[in-house]
């Protein structure tokens, strides 16, 4: 069962979704801006991607620039910030069991499908 944490307004997210569908899968689509992952879900995804929370923070977002730029937060604090402000989560994130890929670039998802 493949899941995609998706933003339909994002071209990269739409491209990753199309790659999944072209491979013959119909993923569970989670519009994470309306239905963000839980703390544990995001923590597990990060672990399975081999990434630190700050590595998937969208630093170009106004909310980041106004509230978090230059702050030295712990991994736990970054996860909590992203759950509270899902717009800061880089997209898309694709989950296939314990395999997780950040779809930046979208072709990254091919490694787990």
N, C-alpha and C. Protein backbone atom coordinates (compact mmCIF):
# COMPACT_ATOMS: atom_id res chain seq x y z
N UNK A 1 0.84 -1.18 0.00
CA UNK A 1 0.00 0.00 0.00
C UNK A 1 0.90 1.25 0.00
N UNK A 2 0.80 2.03 -1.05
CA UNK A 2 1.59 3.24 -1.19
C UNK A 2 0.75 4.43 -0.75
N UNK A 3 1.37 5.33 0.01
CA UNK A 3 0.73 6.57 0.44
C UNK A 3 1.55 7.73 -0.08
N UNK A 4 0.89 8.78 -0.45
CA UNK A 4 1.59 10.00 -0.83
C UNK A 4 1.03 11.15 -0.01
N UNK A 5 1.92 11.85 0.68
CA UNK A 5 1.57 13.07 1.39
C UNK A 5 1.69 14.17 0.35
N UNK A 6 0.55 14.64 -0.10
CA UNK A 6 0.41 15.34 -1.36
C UNK A 6 -0.18 16.73 -1.19
N UNK A 7 0.29 17.63 -2.04
CA UNK A 7 -0.34 18.94 -2.17
C UNK A 7 -0.70 19.09 -3.64
N UNK A 8 -1.98 19.03 -3.99
CA UNK A 8 -2.38 19.07 -5.39
C UNK A 8 -2.00 20.36 -6.11
N UNK A 9 -1.66 21.40 -5.39
CA UNK A 9 -1.26 22.67 -6.01
C UNK A 9 0.22 22.68 -6.36
N UNK A 10 0.96 21.67 -5.93
CA UNK A 10 2.41 21.61 -6.14
C UNK A 10 2.73 20.76 -7.37
N UNK A 11 3.45 21.34 -8.31
CA UNK A 11 3.79 20.62 -9.55
C UNK A 11 4.63 19.39 -9.26
N UNK A 12 5.61 19.48 -8.37
CA UNK A 12 6.46 18.33 -8.04
C UNK A 12 5.64 17.20 -7.42
N UNK A 13 4.69 17.57 -6.59
CA UNK A 13 3.82 16.58 -5.96
C UNK A 13 2.95 15.90 -7.01
N UNK A 14 2.41 16.67 -7.93
CA UNK A 14 1.59 16.09 -9.01
C UNK A 14 2.44 15.17 -9.90
N UNK A 15 3.68 15.57 -10.17
CA UNK A 15 4.57 14.74 -10.99
C UNK A 15 4.88 13.42 -10.29
N UNK A 16 5.12 13.46 -8.99
CA UNK A 16 5.40 12.22 -8.24
C UNK A 16 4.18 11.31 -8.26
N UNK A 17 3.00 11.88 -8.09
CA UNK A 17 1.76 11.09 -8.14
C UNK A 17 1.62 10.43 -9.50
N UNK A 18 1.93 11.13 -10.56
CA UNK A 18 1.83 10.57 -11.91
C UNK A 18 2.84 9.44 -12.10
N UNK A 19 4.04 9.56 -11.56
CA UNK A 19 5.04 8.49 -11.65
C UNK A 19 4.51 7.22 -10.98
N UNK A 20 3.90 7.39 -9.82
CA UNK A 20 3.33 6.25 -9.09
C UNK A 20 2.24 5.59 -9.92
N UNK A 21 1.36 6.40 -10.46
CA UNK A 21 0.25 5.86 -11.27
C UNK A 21 0.75 5.19 -12.54
N UNK A 22 1.76 5.77 -13.17
CA UNK A 22 2.32 5.16 -14.38
C UNK A 22 2.97 3.81 -14.08
N UNK A 23 3.40 3.63 -12.84
CA UNK A 23 3.98 2.34 -12.43
C UNK A 23 2.89 1.32 -12.11
N UNK A 24 1.62 1.72 -12.21
CA UNK A 24 0.52 0.78 -12.02
C UNK A 24 -0.08 0.77 -10.63
N UNK A 25 0.20 1.78 -9.83
CA UNK A 25 -0.32 1.84 -8.46
C UNK A 25 -1.30 3.00 -8.33
N UNK A 26 -2.30 2.80 -7.49
CA UNK A 26 -3.20 3.89 -7.11
C UNK A 26 -2.98 4.11 -5.62
N UNK A 27 -2.20 5.12 -5.27
CA UNK A 27 -1.84 5.33 -3.87
C UNK A 27 -2.98 5.92 -3.04
N UNK A 28 -2.83 5.79 -1.75
CA UNK A 28 -3.68 6.54 -0.83
C UNK A 28 -3.14 7.96 -0.84
N UNK A 29 -3.99 8.91 -1.14
CA UNK A 29 -3.56 10.31 -1.23
C UNK A 29 -3.96 11.02 0.05
N UNK A 30 -2.96 11.57 0.72
CA UNK A 30 -3.19 12.30 1.96
C UNK A 30 -2.83 13.76 1.69
N UNK A 31 -3.82 14.62 1.69
CA UNK A 31 -3.56 16.04 1.52
C UNK A 31 -3.12 16.58 2.88
N UNK A 32 -1.81 16.56 3.06
CA UNK A 32 -1.24 16.78 4.39
C UNK A 32 -1.46 18.19 4.93
N UNK A 33 -1.81 19.15 4.08
CA UNK A 33 -2.11 20.49 4.59
C UNK A 33 -3.41 20.48 5.40
N UNK A 34 -4.32 19.56 5.04
CA UNK A 34 -5.60 19.44 5.75
C UNK A 34 -5.57 18.29 6.76
N UNK A 35 -4.71 17.33 6.52
CA UNK A 35 -4.62 16.12 7.36
C UNK A 35 -3.14 15.79 7.61
N UNK A 36 -2.48 16.61 8.45
CA UNK A 36 -1.04 16.40 8.65
C UNK A 36 -0.75 15.07 9.36
N UNK A 37 0.46 14.55 9.13
CA UNK A 37 0.82 13.32 9.84
C UNK A 37 0.91 13.58 11.33
N UNK A 38 0.77 12.52 12.11
CA UNK A 38 0.95 12.65 13.55
C UNK A 38 2.43 12.80 13.85
N UNK A 39 2.73 13.15 15.07
CA UNK A 39 4.12 13.26 15.50
C UNK A 39 4.87 11.96 15.20
N UNK A 40 4.29 10.83 15.61
CA UNK A 40 4.97 9.54 15.44
C UNK A 40 5.10 9.18 13.96
N UNK A 41 4.06 9.46 13.17
CA UNK A 41 4.15 9.17 11.73
C UNK A 41 5.29 9.95 11.08
N UNK A 42 5.38 11.24 11.39
CA UNK A 42 6.44 12.05 10.79
C UNK A 42 7.82 11.60 11.30
N UNK A 43 7.90 11.29 12.56
CA UNK A 43 9.17 10.81 13.12
C UNK A 43 9.60 9.51 12.43
N UNK A 44 8.67 8.58 12.23
CA UNK A 44 8.97 7.31 11.55
C UNK A 44 9.37 7.54 10.10
N UNK A 45 8.66 8.44 9.40
CA UNK A 45 9.00 8.72 8.01
C UNK A 45 10.42 9.29 7.91
N UNK A 46 10.75 10.20 8.79
CA UNK A 46 12.09 10.78 8.79
C UNK A 46 13.15 9.72 9.02
N UNK A 47 12.90 8.85 9.99
CA UNK A 47 13.85 7.77 10.28
C UNK A 47 14.05 6.89 9.05
N UNK A 48 12.94 6.51 8.41
CA UNK A 48 13.02 5.62 7.26
C UNK A 48 13.60 6.31 6.02
N UNK A 49 13.55 7.64 5.96
CA UNK A 49 14.20 8.39 4.88
C UNK A 49 15.67 8.63 5.17
N UNK A 50 16.03 8.48 6.46
CA UNK A 50 17.40 8.79 6.85
C UNK A 50 17.67 10.29 6.86
N UNK A 51 16.64 11.06 7.22
CA UNK A 51 16.78 12.52 7.24
C UNK A 51 16.49 13.08 8.62
N UNK A 52 17.12 14.20 8.90
CA UNK A 52 16.84 14.95 10.11
C UNK A 52 15.64 15.85 9.82
N UNK A 53 14.83 16.16 10.82
CA UNK A 53 13.65 16.99 10.58
C UNK A 53 13.96 18.31 9.86
N UNK A 54 15.01 18.98 10.25
CA UNK A 54 15.30 20.28 9.64
C UNK A 54 15.60 20.16 8.14
N UNK A 55 15.99 18.98 7.69
CA UNK A 55 16.30 18.78 6.27
C UNK A 55 15.06 18.81 5.39
N UNK A 56 13.89 18.61 5.97
CA UNK A 56 12.67 18.63 5.15
C UNK A 56 11.78 19.83 5.48
N UNK A 57 12.35 20.84 6.12
CA UNK A 57 11.61 22.06 6.40
C UNK A 57 11.70 22.97 5.17
N UNK A 58 10.57 23.48 4.75
CA UNK A 58 10.52 24.41 3.61
C UNK A 58 10.93 25.80 4.10
N UNK A 59 12.19 26.11 3.89
CA UNK A 59 12.77 27.34 4.43
C UNK A 59 12.40 28.59 3.64
N UNK A 60 11.77 28.42 2.49
CA UNK A 60 11.35 29.57 1.70
C UNK A 60 9.98 30.10 2.09
N UNK A 61 9.29 29.37 2.94
CA UNK A 61 7.94 29.78 3.36
C UNK A 61 8.00 30.98 4.30
N UNK A 62 7.04 31.87 4.16
CA UNK A 62 6.98 33.08 5.00
C UNK A 62 6.94 32.71 6.48
N UNK A 63 6.16 31.69 6.82
CA UNK A 63 6.05 31.30 8.23
C UNK A 63 7.41 30.90 8.81
N UNK A 64 8.25 30.27 7.98
CA UNK A 64 9.60 29.92 8.43
C UNK A 64 10.42 31.19 8.62
N UNK A 65 10.41 32.05 7.61
CA UNK A 65 11.23 33.26 7.66
C UNK A 65 10.84 34.15 8.84
N UNK A 66 9.53 34.25 9.09
CA UNK A 66 9.05 35.13 10.15
C UNK A 66 9.20 34.56 11.55
N UNK A 67 9.20 33.23 11.68
CA UNK A 67 9.14 32.64 13.01
C UNK A 67 10.29 31.71 13.38
N UNK A 68 10.97 31.12 12.39
CA UNK A 68 11.92 30.06 12.74
C UNK A 68 13.32 30.24 12.17
N UNK A 69 13.51 31.14 11.23
CA UNK A 69 14.84 31.33 10.65
C UNK A 69 15.84 31.72 11.76
N UNK A 70 16.98 31.04 11.74
CA UNK A 70 18.02 31.32 12.70
C UNK A 70 17.83 30.66 14.06
N UNK A 71 16.74 29.95 14.24
CA UNK A 71 16.51 29.28 15.52
C UNK A 71 17.18 27.92 15.52
N UNK A 72 17.72 27.57 16.64
CA UNK A 72 18.39 26.29 16.82
C UNK A 72 17.45 25.37 17.60
N UNK A 73 16.62 24.62 16.88
CA UNK A 73 15.65 23.75 17.51
C UNK A 73 16.14 22.31 17.50
N UNK A 74 15.67 21.54 18.46
CA UNK A 74 15.99 20.12 18.50
C UNK A 74 15.16 19.38 17.45
N UNK A 75 15.52 18.14 17.16
CA UNK A 75 14.73 17.35 16.22
C UNK A 75 13.28 17.26 16.68
N UNK A 76 13.07 17.02 17.96
CA UNK A 76 11.73 16.92 18.53
C UNK A 76 10.95 18.22 18.30
N UNK A 77 11.62 19.35 18.54
CA UNK A 77 10.95 20.65 18.36
C UNK A 77 10.60 20.90 16.89
N UNK A 78 11.50 20.53 15.96
CA UNK A 78 11.21 20.71 14.53
C UNK A 78 10.01 19.87 14.12
N UNK A 79 9.94 18.64 14.60
CA UNK A 79 8.79 17.79 14.26
C UNK A 79 7.50 18.44 14.75
N UNK A 80 7.50 18.93 15.97
CA UNK A 80 6.31 19.59 16.52
C UNK A 80 5.94 20.84 15.72
N UNK A 81 6.95 21.60 15.29
CA UNK A 81 6.70 22.79 14.48
C UNK A 81 6.04 22.40 13.16
N UNK A 82 6.55 21.33 12.52
CA UNK A 82 5.98 20.91 11.23
C UNK A 82 4.56 20.37 11.37
N UNK A 83 4.28 19.68 12.47
CA UNK A 83 2.93 19.16 12.68
C UNK A 83 1.96 20.33 12.88
N UNK A 84 2.40 21.33 13.62
CA UNK A 84 1.56 22.50 13.87
C UNK A 84 1.43 23.38 12.62
N UNK A 85 2.46 23.36 11.77
CA UNK A 85 2.51 24.18 10.56
C UNK A 85 2.84 23.29 9.36
N UNK A 86 1.90 22.47 8.91
CA UNK A 86 2.21 21.49 7.86
C UNK A 86 2.71 22.10 6.56
N UNK A 87 2.48 23.38 6.34
CA UNK A 87 2.98 24.05 5.15
C UNK A 87 4.51 24.00 5.11
N UNK A 88 5.13 23.79 6.26
CA UNK A 88 6.59 23.74 6.33
C UNK A 88 7.17 22.37 5.96
N UNK A 89 6.32 21.36 5.79
CA UNK A 89 6.80 20.02 5.43
C UNK A 89 7.08 19.98 3.93
N UNK A 90 8.31 19.62 3.58
CA UNK A 90 8.65 19.47 2.15
C UNK A 90 7.78 18.38 1.56
N UNK A 91 7.45 18.55 0.30
CA UNK A 91 6.53 17.64 -0.36
C UNK A 91 7.07 17.22 -1.69
N UNK A 92 6.53 16.14 -2.19
CA UNK A 92 5.69 15.14 -1.54
C UNK A 92 6.55 14.12 -0.79
N UNK A 93 5.95 13.45 0.16
CA UNK A 93 6.58 12.31 0.82
C UNK A 93 5.77 11.08 0.42
N UNK A 94 6.48 10.07 -0.06
CA UNK A 94 5.83 8.84 -0.50
C UNK A 94 6.27 7.71 0.41
N UNK A 95 5.29 6.94 0.88
CA UNK A 95 5.54 5.84 1.81
C UNK A 95 5.07 4.54 1.16
N UNK A 96 5.95 3.55 1.15
CA UNK A 96 5.62 2.22 0.67
C UNK A 96 6.15 1.25 1.73
N UNK A 97 5.28 0.90 2.68
CA UNK A 97 5.71 0.08 3.82
C UNK A 97 6.69 0.88 4.66
N UNK A 98 7.89 0.33 4.86
CA UNK A 98 8.91 1.04 5.62
C UNK A 98 9.83 1.86 4.71
N UNK A 99 9.59 1.78 3.41
CA UNK A 99 10.38 2.56 2.47
C UNK A 99 9.72 3.91 2.27
N UNK A 100 10.51 4.96 2.42
CA UNK A 100 9.98 6.32 2.34
C UNK A 100 10.92 7.14 1.46
N UNK A 101 10.33 7.95 0.59
CA UNK A 101 11.13 8.82 -0.27
C UNK A 101 10.53 10.22 -0.32
N UNK A 102 11.40 11.18 -0.34
CA UNK A 102 11.00 12.56 -0.55
C UNK A 102 11.01 12.79 -2.06
N UNK A 103 9.90 13.21 -2.61
CA UNK A 103 9.76 13.38 -4.05
C UNK A 103 10.35 14.67 -4.57
N UNK A 104 11.53 14.97 -4.17
CA UNK A 104 12.29 16.13 -4.65
C UNK A 104 13.65 15.64 -5.09
N UNK A 105 13.87 15.39 -6.33
CA UNK A 105 12.95 15.51 -7.45
C UNK A 105 11.95 14.36 -7.47
N UNK A 106 10.88 14.50 -8.24
CA UNK A 106 9.84 13.48 -8.27
C UNK A 106 10.35 12.08 -8.60
N UNK A 107 11.40 11.98 -9.39
CA UNK A 107 11.96 10.69 -9.79
C UNK A 107 12.44 9.88 -8.59
N UNK A 108 12.68 10.53 -7.46
CA UNK A 108 13.12 9.81 -6.24
C UNK A 108 12.14 8.71 -5.84
N UNK A 109 10.86 8.89 -6.15
CA UNK A 109 9.86 7.91 -5.71
C UNK A 109 10.02 6.56 -6.41
N UNK A 110 10.65 6.57 -7.57
CA UNK A 110 10.86 5.31 -8.30
C UNK A 110 11.66 4.30 -7.47
N UNK A 111 12.50 4.77 -6.60
CA UNK A 111 13.35 3.87 -5.81
C UNK A 111 12.57 3.04 -4.81
N UNK A 112 11.30 3.40 -4.54
CA UNK A 112 10.54 2.65 -3.52
C UNK A 112 9.26 2.03 -4.06
N UNK A 113 9.02 2.16 -5.38
CA UNK A 113 7.80 1.55 -5.92
C UNK A 113 8.13 0.37 -6.81
